[in-house]
C-alpha atoms as a PDB file:
ATOM      1  CA  MET A   1       9.040   2.334 -25.880  1.00  0.00           C
ATOM      2  CA  LYS A   2       8.028   1.075 -22.444  1.00  0.00           C
ATOM      3  CA  LYS A   3       8.397  -2.420 -21.094  1.00  0.00           C
ATOM      4  CA  PRO A   4       6.555  -3.597 -17.955  1.00  0.00           C
ATOM      5  CA  ILE A   5       8.711  -5.049 -15.182  1.00  0.00           C
ATOM      6  CA  TYR A   6       7.192  -6.662 -12.076  1.00  0.00           C
ATOM      7  CA  LEU A   7       9.122  -5.992  -8.871  1.00  0.00           C
ATOM      8  CA  VAL A   8       8.696  -8.503  -6.032  1.00  0.00           C
ATOM      9  CA  GLN A   9       8.880  -6.784  -2.654  1.00  0.00           C
ATOM     10  CA  SER A  10       8.756  -7.902   0.959  1.00  0.00           C
ATOM     11  CA  CYS A  11       7.271  -6.229   4.043  1.00  0.00           C
ATOM     12  CA  PRO A  12       6.844  -7.345   7.686  1.00  0.00           C
ATOM     13  CA  ARG A  13       3.460  -9.014   8.176  1.00  0.00           C
ATOM     14  CA  ASP A  14       2.218  -6.726  10.978  1.00  0.00           C
ATOM     15  CA  GLU A  15       3.151  -3.573   9.060  1.00  0.00           C
ATOM     16  CA  PHE A  16       1.428  -4.909   5.926  1.00  0.00           C
ATOM     17  CA  LYS A  17      -1.776  -5.613   7.892  1.00  0.00           C
ATOM     18  CA  ARG A  18      -1.769  -2.121   9.460  1.00  0.00           C
ATOM     19  CA  ALA A  19      -1.355  -0.522   6.032  1.00  0.00           C
ATOM     20  CA  ALA A  20      -4.139  -2.689   4.584  1.00  0.00           C
ATOM     21  CA  LYS A  21      -6.498  -1.623   7.373  1.00  0.00           C
ATOM     22  CA  LYS A  22      -5.729   2.007   6.486  1.00  0.00           C
ATOM     23  CA  GLY A  23      -6.682   1.258   2.865  1.00  0.00           C
ATOM     24  CA  MET A  24      -3.180   1.522   1.417  1.00  0.00           C
ATOM     25  CA  LYS A  25      -2.568  -0.267  -1.880  1.00  0.00           C
ATOM     26  CA  CYS A  26       0.549  -2.306  -2.709  1.00  0.00           C
ATOM     27  CA  ASP A  27       1.788   0.194  -5.288  1.00  0.00           C
ATOM     28  CA  VAL A  28       2.307   2.872  -2.581  1.00  0.00           C
ATOM     29  CA  MET A  29       3.574   0.551   0.158  1.00  0.00           C
ATOM     30  CA  GLY A  30       7.163   1.277  -0.853  1.00  0.00           C
ATOM     31  CA  LEU A  31       6.683   4.926   0.075  1.00  0.00           C
ATOM     32  CA  HIS A  32       5.148   4.385   3.521  1.00  0.00           C
ATOM     33  CA  GLY A  33       6.842   1.439   5.103  1.00  0.00           C
ATOM     34  CA  GLU A  34       9.758  -0.844   5.684  1.00  0.00           C
ATOM     35  CA  VAL A  35       9.739  -2.494   2.254  1.00  0.00           C
ATOM     36  CA  LEU A  36      12.604  -4.453   0.712  1.00  0.00           C
ATOM     37  CA  PRO A  37      12.770  -4.847  -3.082  1.00  0.00           C
ATOM     38  CA  LEU A  38      13.937  -8.394  -3.760  1.00  0.00           C
ATOM     39  CA  TRP A  39      13.926  -9.235  -7.473  1.00  0.00           C
ATOM     40  CA  ALA A  40      12.207  -8.338 -10.729  1.00  0.00           C
ATOM     41  CA  THR A  41      10.617 -10.450 -13.456  1.00  0.00           C
ATOM     42  CA  SER A  42       9.253  -9.651 -16.890  1.00  0.00           C
ATOM     43  CA  SER A  43       6.217 -11.909 -16.472  1.00  0.00           C
ATOM     44  CA  LYS A  44       3.270 -11.094 -14.213  1.00  0.00           C
ATOM     45  CA  LYS A  45       2.381 -14.765 -13.920  1.00  0.00           C
ATOM     46  CA  GLU A  46       5.897 -15.615 -12.721  1.00  0.00           C
ATOM     47  CA  ALA A  47       5.856 -12.770 -10.163  1.00  0.00           C
ATOM     48  CA  ILE A  48       2.486 -13.874  -8.783  1.00  0.00           C
ATOM     49  CA  ASN A  49       3.641 -17.494  -8.502  1.00  0.00           C
ATOM     50  CA  ASP A  50       6.817 -16.384  -6.693  1.00  0.00           C
ATOM     51  CA  CYS A  51       4.753 -14.371  -4.190  1.00  0.00           C
ATOM     52  CA  ARG A  52       2.295 -17.212  -3.615  1.00  0.00           C
ATOM     53  CA  ARG A  53       5.084 -19.725  -3.082  1.00  0.00           C
ATOM     54  CA  ASN A  54       6.950 -17.475  -0.611  1.00  0.00           C
ATOM     55  CA  ASN A  55       3.805 -16.383   1.270  1.00  0.00           C
ATOM     56  CA  ARG A  56       2.922 -20.035   1.962  1.00  0.00           C
ATOM     57  CA  LEU A  57       6.227 -20.870   3.663  1.00  0.00           C
ATOM     58  CA  PRO A  58       5.657 -21.771   7.329  1.00  0.00           C
ATOM     59  CA  GLY A  59       7.061 -19.454   9.979  1.00  0.00           C
ATOM     60  CA  MET A  60       7.612 -16.483   7.658  1.00  0.00           C
ATOM     61  CA  ASP A  61       7.206 -13.022   9.162  1.00  0.00           C
ATOM     62  CA  ASN A  62       7.144 -11.246   5.791  1.00  0.00           C
ATOM     63  CA  ILE A  63       4.496 -10.723   3.140  1.00  0.00           C
ATOM     64  CA  TYR A  64       5.578 -10.759  -0.511  1.00  0.00           C
ATOM     65  CA  PHE A  65       3.765  -8.617  -3.090  1.00  0.00           C
ATOM     66  CA  ILE A  66       4.374  -7.218  -6.577  1.00  0.00           C
ATOM     67  CA  ASP A  67       4.610  -3.712  -7.951  1.00  0.00           C
ATOM     68  CA  LEU A  68       4.473  -2.782 -11.640  1.00  0.00           C
ATOM     69  CA  ILE A  69       7.355  -0.671 -12.945  1.00  0.00           C
ATOM     70  CA  ASP A  70       7.447   0.746 -16.473  1.00  0.00           C
ATOM     71  CA  LEU A  71      10.950   0.582 -17.925  1.00  0.00           C
ATOM     72  CA  PHE A  72      11.462   3.111 -20.718  1.00  0.00           C
ATOM     73  CA  ASN A  73      14.110   2.445 -23.393  1.00  0.00           C
END
């Protein structure tokens, strides 16, 4: 039985923009950059709201994004 878990990750803004220009998707960003896993949630809506709230903070040099992880029991 698999259960979806949404991992919230952080990456420096300039590195995120360079990867986006190369066409890299968020699900492979963890393999190609300086990405920090921060926390996980079981709800996609909660993960998206967390990312939106943290991306709107003034003076932040990081971009927050989510990655889907399948947890198998």
